[in-house]
PDB file of N, CA and C in Angstrom:
ATOM      1  N   MET A   1     -81.434  35.131 181.790  1.00  0.00           N
ATOM      2  CA  MET A   1     -81.745  35.443 183.174  1.00  0.00           C
ATOM      3  C   MET A   1     -83.049  36.244 183.190  1.00  0.00           C
ATOM      4  N   THR A   2     -83.950  35.863 184.084  1.00  0.00           N
ATOM      5  CA  THR A   2     -85.240  36.517 184.213  1.00  0.00           C
ATOM      6  C   THR A   2     -85.367  37.088 185.619  1.00  0.00           C
ATOM      7  N   GLU A   3     -86.039  38.213 185.733  1.00  0.00           N
ATOM      8  CA  GLU A   3     -86.172  38.881 187.037  1.00  0.00           C
ATOM      9  C   GLU A   3     -87.564  38.700 187.616  1.00  0.00           C
ATOM     10  N   ALA A   4     -87.619  38.486 188.929  1.00  0.00           N
ATOM     11  CA  ALA A   4     -88.884  38.487 189.672  1.00  0.00           C
ATOM     12  C   ALA A   4     -89.040  39.898 190.222  1.00  0.00           C
ATOM     13  N   LEU A   5     -90.138  40.561 189.880  1.00  0.00           N
ATOM     14  CA  LEU A   5     -90.342  41.961 190.239  1.00  0.00           C
ATOM     15  C   LEU A   5     -91.351  42.113 191.368  1.00  0.00           C
ATOM     16  N   ALA A   6     -91.199  43.189 192.123  1.00  0.00           N
ATOM     17  CA  ALA A   6     -92.135  43.487 193.211  1.00  0.00           C
ATOM     18  C   ALA A   6     -93.509  43.799 192.631  1.00  0.00           C
ATOM     19  N   PRO A   7     -94.562  43.096 193.089  1.00  0.00           N
ATOM     20  CA  PRO A   7     -95.895  43.350 192.567  1.00  0.00           C
ATOM     21  C   PRO A   7     -96.539  44.614 193.135  1.00  0.00           C
ATOM     22  N   ILE A   8     -95.937  45.145 194.205  1.00  0.00           N
ATOM     23  CA  ILE A   8     -96.504  46.297 194.915  1.00  0.00           C
ATOM     24  C   ILE A   8     -95.403  46.922 195.764  1.00  0.00           C
ATOM     25  N   THR A   9     -95.557  48.188 196.148  1.00  0.00           N
ATOM     26  CA  THR A   9     -94.606  48.835 197.058  1.00  0.00           C
ATOM     27  C   THR A   9     -94.836  48.306 198.467  1.00  0.00           C
ATOM     28  N   GLY A  10     -93.760  47.919 199.151  1.00  0.00           N
ATOM     29  CA  GLY A  10     -93.876  47.403 200.517  1.00  0.00           C
ATOM     30  C   GLY A  10     -92.555  46.848 200.992  1.00  0.00           C
ATOM     31  N   GLY A  11     -92.587  46.213 202.141  1.00  0.00           N
ATOM     32  CA  GLY A  11     -91.385  45.643 202.740  1.00  0.00           C
ATOM     33  C   GLY A  11     -91.261  44.157 202.439  1.00  0.00           C
ATOM     34  N   VAL A  12     -90.051  43.719 202.098  1.00  0.00           N
ATOM     35  CA  VAL A  12     -89.797  42.296 201.887  1.00  0.00           C
ATOM     36  C   VAL A  12     -89.822  41.638 203.271  1.00  0.00           C
ATOM     37  N   SER A  13     -90.843  40.817 203.515  1.00  0.00           N
ATOM     38  CA  SER A  13     -91.051  40.304 204.872  1.00  0.00           C
ATOM     39  C   SER A  13     -90.590  38.873 205.083  1.00  0.00           C
ATOM     40  N   MET A  14     -90.492  38.090 204.004  1.00  0.00           N
ATOM     41  CA  MET A  14     -90.142  36.684 204.190  1.00  0.00           C
ATOM     42  C   MET A  14     -89.758  36.060 202.860  1.00  0.00           C
ATOM     43  N   TYR A  15     -88.765  35.168 202.900  1.00  0.00           N
ATOM     44  CA  TYR A  15     -88.431  34.343 201.739  1.00  0.00           C
ATOM     45  C   TYR A  15     -88.739  32.892 202.076  1.00  0.00           C
ATOM     46  N   ASN A  16     -89.277  32.160 201.106  1.00  0.00           N
ATOM     47  CA  ASN A  16     -89.567  30.730 201.272  1.00  0.00           C
ATOM     48  C   ASN A  16     -88.421  29.859 200.781  1.00  0.00           C
ATOM     49  N   VAL A  17     -87.471  30.465 200.078  1.00  0.00           N
ATOM     50  CA  VAL A  17     -86.350  29.719 199.500  1.00  0.00           C
ATOM     51  C   VAL A  17     -85.040  30.408 199.886  1.00  0.00           C
ATOM     52  N   ALA A  18     -83.980  29.638 199.854  1.00  0.00           N
ATOM     53  CA  ALA A  18     -82.647  30.179 200.126  1.00  0.00           C
ATOM     54  C   ALA A  18     -82.009  30.641 198.817  1.00  0.00           C
ATOM     55  N   ASP A  19     -81.071  31.560 198.925  1.00  0.00           N
ATOM     56  CA  ASP A  19     -80.304  32.002 197.769  1.00  0.00           C
ATOM     57  C   ASP A  19     -79.622  30.784 197.153  1.00  0.00           C
ATOM     58  N   GLY A  20     -79.748  30.614 195.833  1.00  0.00           N
ATOM     59  CA  GLY A  20     -79.132  29.485 195.150  1.00  0.00           C
ATOM     60  C   GLY A  20     -80.033  28.263 195.032  1.00  0.00           C
ATOM     61  N   ALA A  21     -81.250  28.342 195.573  1.00  0.00           N
ATOM     62  CA  ALA A  21     -82.181  27.208 195.517  1.00  0.00           C
ATOM     63  C   ALA A  21     -82.764  27.048 194.119  1.00  0.00           C
ATOM     64  N   GLN A  22     -83.175  25.836 193.794  1.00  0.00           N
ATOM     65  CA  GLN A  22     -83.894  25.559 192.556  1.00  0.00           C
ATOM     66  C   GLN A  22     -85.371  25.865 192.793  1.00  0.00           C
ATOM     67  N   VAL A  23     -85.986  26.598 191.862  1.00  0.00           N
ATOM     68  CA  VAL A  23     -87.405  26.935 191.965  1.00  0.00           C
ATOM     69  C   VAL A  23     -88.119  26.562 190.674  1.00  0.00           C
ATOM     70  N   GLU A  24     -89.422  26.364 190.792  1.00  0.00           N
ATOM     71  CA  GLU A  24     -90.261  26.058 189.640  1.00  0.00           C
ATOM     72  C   GLU A  24     -91.047  27.300 189.245  1.00  0.00           C
ATOM     73  N   GLU A  25     -91.392  27.414 187.981  1.00  0.00           N
ATOM     74  CA  GLU A  25     -92.205  28.535 187.506  1.00  0.00           C
ATOM     75  C   GLU A  25     -93.495  28.621 188.322  1.00  0.00           C
ATOM     76  N   GLY A  26     -93.820  29.813 188.808  1.00  0.00           N
ATOM     77  CA  GLY A  26     -95.034  30.040 189.582  1.00  0.00           C
ATOM     78  C   GLY A  26     -94.891  29.783 191.071  1.00  0.00           C
ATOM     79  N   GLU A  27     -93.764  29.210 191.496  1.00  0.00           N
ATOM     80  CA  GLU A  27     -93.532  28.942 192.918  1.00  0.00           C
ATOM     81  C   GLU A  27     -93.419  30.251 193.685  1.00  0.00           C
ATOM     82  N   ILE A  28     -94.020  30.303 194.862  1.00  0.00           N
ATOM     83  CA  ILE A  28     -93.911  31.495 195.709  1.00  0.00           C
ATOM     84  C   ILE A  28     -92.545  31.469 196.369  1.00  0.00           C
ATOM     85  N   ILE A  29     -91.730  32.491 196.051  1.00  0.00           N
ATOM     86  CA  ILE A  29     -90.385  32.531 196.625  1.00  0.00           C
ATOM     87  C   ILE A  29     -90.316  33.432 197.854  1.00  0.00           C
ATOM     88  N   GLY A  30     -91.325  34.268 198.042  1.00  0.00           N
ATOM     89  CA  GLY A  30     -91.335  35.152 199.211  1.00  0.00           C
ATOM     90  C   GLY A  30     -92.571  36.019 199.238  1.00  0.00           C
ATOM     91  N   TYR A  31     -92.557  36.984 200.175  1.00  0.00           N
ATOM     92  CA  TYR A  31     -93.720  37.847 200.372  1.00  0.00           C
ATOM     93  C   TYR A  31     -93.302  39.295 200.605  1.00  0.00           C
ATOM     94  N   ILE A  32     -94.144  40.194 200.140  1.00  0.00           N
ATOM     95  CA  ILE A  32     -94.013  41.616 200.431  1.00  0.00           C
ATOM     96  C   ILE A  32     -95.209  42.004 201.292  1.00  0.00           C
ATOM     97  N   GLU A  33     -94.942  42.749 202.359  1.00  0.00           N
ATOM     98  CA  GLU A  33     -96.014  43.208 203.230  1.00  0.00           C
ATOM     99  C   GLU A  33     -96.305  44.680 202.946  1.00  0.00           C
ATOM    100  N   CYS A  34     -97.588  44.974 202.770  1.00  0.00           N
ATOM    101  CA  CYS A  34     -98.033  46.338 202.525  1.00  0.00           C
ATOM    102  C   CYS A  34     -99.389  46.524 203.193  1.00  0.00           C
ATOM    103  N   MET A  35     -99.485  47.504 204.066  1.00  0.00           N
ATOM    104  CA  MET A  35    -100.738  47.809 204.756  1.00  0.00           C
ATOM    105  C   MET A  35    -101.312  46.569 205.453  1.00  0.00           C
ATOM    106  N   LYS A  36    -100.407  45.803 206.113  1.00  0.00           N
ATOM    107  CA  LYS A  36    -100.755  44.595 206.872  1.00  0.00           C
ATOM    108  C   LYS A  36    -101.314  43.471 206.008  1.00  0.00           C
ATOM    109  N   MET A  37    -101.070  43.545 204.699  1.00  0.00           N
ATOM    110  CA  MET A  37    -101.455  42.476 203.779  1.00  0.00           C
ATOM    111  C   MET A  37    -100.188  41.878 203.178  1.00  0.00           C
ATOM    112  N   MET A  38    -100.218  40.586 202.889  1.00  0.00           N
ATOM    113  CA  MET A  38     -99.071  39.901 202.305  1.00  0.00           C
ATOM    114  C   MET A  38     -99.328  39.653 200.823  1.00  0.00           C
ATOM    115  N   PHE A  39     -98.341  39.979 200.000  1.00  0.00           N
ATOM    116  CA  PHE A  39     -98.429  39.789 198.562  1.00  0.00           C
ATOM    117  C   PHE A  39     -97.335  38.827 198.120  1.00  0.00           C
ATOM    118  N   ASP A  40     -97.695  37.852 197.274  1.00  0.00           N
ATOM    119  CA  ASP A  40     -96.760  36.830 196.815  1.00  0.00           C
ATOM    120  C   ASP A  40     -95.715  37.402 195.867  1.00  0.00           C
ATOM    121  N   ILE A  41     -94.501  36.887 195.999  1.00  0.00           N
ATOM    122  CA  ILE A  41     -93.450  37.093 195.005  1.00  0.00           C
ATOM    123  C   ILE A  41     -93.266  35.726 194.360  1.00  0.00           C
ATOM    124  N   CYS A  42     -93.607  35.612 193.083  1.00  0.00           N
ATOM    125  CA  CYS A  42     -93.570  34.325 192.393  1.00  0.00           C
ATOM    126  C   CYS A  42     -92.424  34.257 191.399  1.00  0.00           C
ATOM    127  N   ALA A  43     -91.877  33.059 191.246  1.00  0.00           N
ATOM    128  CA  ALA A  43     -90.825  32.840 190.257  1.00  0.00           C
ATOM    129  C   ALA A  43     -91.454  32.865 188.862  1.00  0.00           C
ATOM    130  N   PRO A  44     -90.976  33.738 187.972  1.00  0.00           N
ATOM    131  CA  PRO A  44     -91.558  33.817 186.632  1.00  0.00           C
ATOM    132  C   PRO A  44     -91.168  32.647 185.717  1.00  0.00           C
ATOM    133  N   VAL A  45     -90.065  31.977 186.056  1.00  0.00           N
ATOM    134  CA  VAL A  45     -89.576  30.819 185.293  1.00  0.00           C
ATOM    135  C   VAL A  45     -88.931  29.833 186.262  1.00  0.00           C
ATOM    136  N   SER A  46     -88.658  28.636 185.807  1.00  0.00           N
ATOM    137  CA  SER A  46     -87.930  27.652 186.605  1.00  0.00           C
ATOM    138  C   SER A  46     -86.430  27.919 186.490  1.00  0.00           C
ATOM    139  N   GLY A  47     -85.692  27.614 187.569  1.00  0.00           N
ATOM    140  CA  GLY A  47     -84.249  27.778 187.539  1.00  0.00           C
ATOM    141  C   GLY A  47     -83.664  27.976 188.920  1.00  0.00           C
ATOM    142  N   THR A  48     -82.478  28.551 188.960  1.00  0.00           N
ATOM    143  CA  THR A  48     -81.769  28.819 190.212  1.00  0.00           C
ATOM    144  C   THR A  48     -82.001  30.270 190.600  1.00  0.00           C
ATOM    145  N   VAL A  49     -82.432  30.490 191.856  1.00  0.00           N
ATOM    146  CA  VAL A  49     -82.794  31.839 192.305  1.00  0.00           C
ATOM    147  C   VAL A  49     -81.592  32.546 192.941  1.00  0.00           C
ATOM    148  N   GLU A  50     -81.460  33.824 192.601  1.00  0.00           N
ATOM    149  CA  GLU A  50     -80.482  34.712 193.239  1.00  0.00           C
ATOM    150  C   GLU A  50     -81.299  35.826 193.897  1.00  0.00           C
ATOM    151  N   LEU A  51     -81.347  35.829 195.230  1.00  0.00           N
ATOM    152  CA  LEU A  51     -82.128  36.829 195.950  1.00  0.00           C
ATOM    153  C   LEU A  51     -81.389  38.162 195.936  1.00  0.00           C
ATOM    154  N   ILE A  52     -82.064  39.213 195.535  1.00  0.00           N
ATOM    155  CA  ILE A  52     -81.467  40.538 195.402  1.00  0.00           C
ATOM    156  C   ILE A  52     -81.864  41.437 196.580  1.00  0.00           C
ATOM    157  N   ALA A  53     -83.157  41.561 196.831  1.00  0.00           N
ATOM    158  CA  ALA A  53     -83.649  42.423 197.913  1.00  0.00           C
ATOM    159  C   ALA A  53     -83.474  41.712 199.252  1.00  0.00           C
ATOM    160  N   LYS A  54     -82.936  42.394 200.223  1.00  0.00           N
ATOM    161  CA  LYS A  54     -82.730  41.836 201.560  1.00  0.00           C
ATOM    162  C   LYS A  54     -84.028  41.906 202.363  1.00  0.00           C
ATOM    163  N   LEU A  55     -84.162  40.993 203.311  1.00  0.00           N
ATOM    164  CA  LEU A  55     -85.328  41.022 204.195  1.00  0.00           C
ATOM    165  C   LEU A  55     -85.416  42.372 204.893  1.00  0.00           C
ATOM    166  N   GLY A  56     -86.622  42.912 204.959  1.00  0.00           N
ATOM    167  CA  GLY A  56     -86.847  44.194 205.610  1.00  0.00           C
ATOM    168  C   GLY A  56     -86.714  45.387 204.684  1.00  0.00           C
ATOM    169  N   PHE A  57     -86.106  45.199 203.506  1.00  0.00           N
ATOM    170  CA  PHE A  57     -85.984  46.306 202.556  1.00  0.00           C
ATOM    171  C   PHE A  57     -87.362  46.750 202.095  1.00  0.00           C
ATOM    172  N   VAL A  58     -87.534  48.040 201.933  1.00  0.00           N
ATOM    173  CA  VAL A  58     -88.747  48.568 201.318  1.00  0.00           C
ATOM    174  C   VAL A  58     -88.465  48.703 199.830  1.00  0.00           C
ATOM    175  N   VAL A  59     -89.311  48.074 199.030  1.00  0.00           N
ATOM    176  CA  VAL A  59     -89.142  48.097 197.583  1.00  0.00           C
ATOM    177  C   VAL A  59     -90.334  48.789 196.938  1.00  0.00           C
ATOM    178  N   GLN A  60     -90.095  49.309 195.761  1.00  0.00           N
ATOM    179  CA  GLN A  60     -91.153  49.961 194.987  1.00  0.00           C
ATOM    180  C   GLN A  60     -91.713  48.955 193.980  1.00  0.00           C
ATOM    181  N   GLU A  61     -92.955  49.143 193.581  1.00  0.00           N
ATOM    182  CA  GLU A  61     -93.549  48.283 192.564  1.00  0.00           C
ATOM    183  C   GLU A  61     -92.642  48.253 191.338  1.00  0.00           C
ATOM    184  N   GLY A  62     -92.320  47.045 190.872  1.00  0.00           N
ATOM    185  CA  GLY A  62     -91.468  46.884 189.706  1.00  0.00           C
ATOM    186  C   GLY A  62     -89.991  46.717 190.005  1.00  0.00           C
ATOM    187  N   ASP A  63     -89.579  46.916 191.272  1.00  0.00           N
ATOM    188  CA  ASP A  63     -88.180  46.702 191.629  1.00  0.00           C
ATOM    189  C   ASP A  63     -87.821  45.216 191.504  1.00  0.00           C
ATOM    190  N   VAL A  64     -86.556  44.932 191.234  1.00  0.00           N
ATOM    191  CA  VAL A  64     -86.077  43.557 191.133  1.00  0.00           C
ATOM    192  C   VAL A  64     -85.935  42.977 192.535  1.00  0.00           C
ATOM    193  N   ILE A  65     -86.611  41.849 192.768  1.00  0.00           N
ATOM    194  CA  ILE A  65     -86.537  41.146 194.049  1.00  0.00           C
ATOM    195  C   ILE A  65     -85.538  39.993 193.944  1.00  0.00           C
ATOM    196  N   ALA A  66     -85.578  39.303 192.809  1.00  0.00           N
ATOM    197  CA  ALA A  66     -84.704  38.149 192.610  1.00  0.00           C
ATOM    198  C   ALA A  66     -84.462  37.958 191.119  1.00  0.00           C
ATOM    199  N   ARG A  67     -83.403  37.224 190.818  1.00  0.00           N
ATOM    200  CA  ARG A  67     -83.113  36.837 189.434  1.00  0.00           C
ATOM    201  C   ARG A  67     -83.143  35.306 189.368  1.00  0.00           C
ATOM    202  N   ILE A  68     -83.694  34.805 188.281  1.00  0.00           N
ATOM    203  CA  ILE A  68     -83.763  33.369 188.068  1.00  0.00           C
ATOM    204  C   ILE A  68     -82.898  33.030 186.858  1.00  0.00           C
ATOM    205  N   LYS A  69     -81.947  32.122 187.052  1.00  0.00           N
ATOM    206  CA  LYS A  69     -81.040  31.731 185.962  1.00  0.00           C
ATOM    207  C   LYS A  69     -81.409  30.339 185.473  1.00  0.00           C
TER     208      LYS A  69
END
């Protein structure tokens, strides 16, 4: 199992995939908003995504956003 980590501190503003979806390595699975800028959350590997952080949550850089199995 591999974790997708927050690239920056900010709010989880949108997911492009549903929990349990199949994703490809490098696919953008969602976005974090910080200072009115959007930052990509990318899948580090291919597999099935388990979304951990809820929409609207404020996360710190390095926090787990999702797990890929």
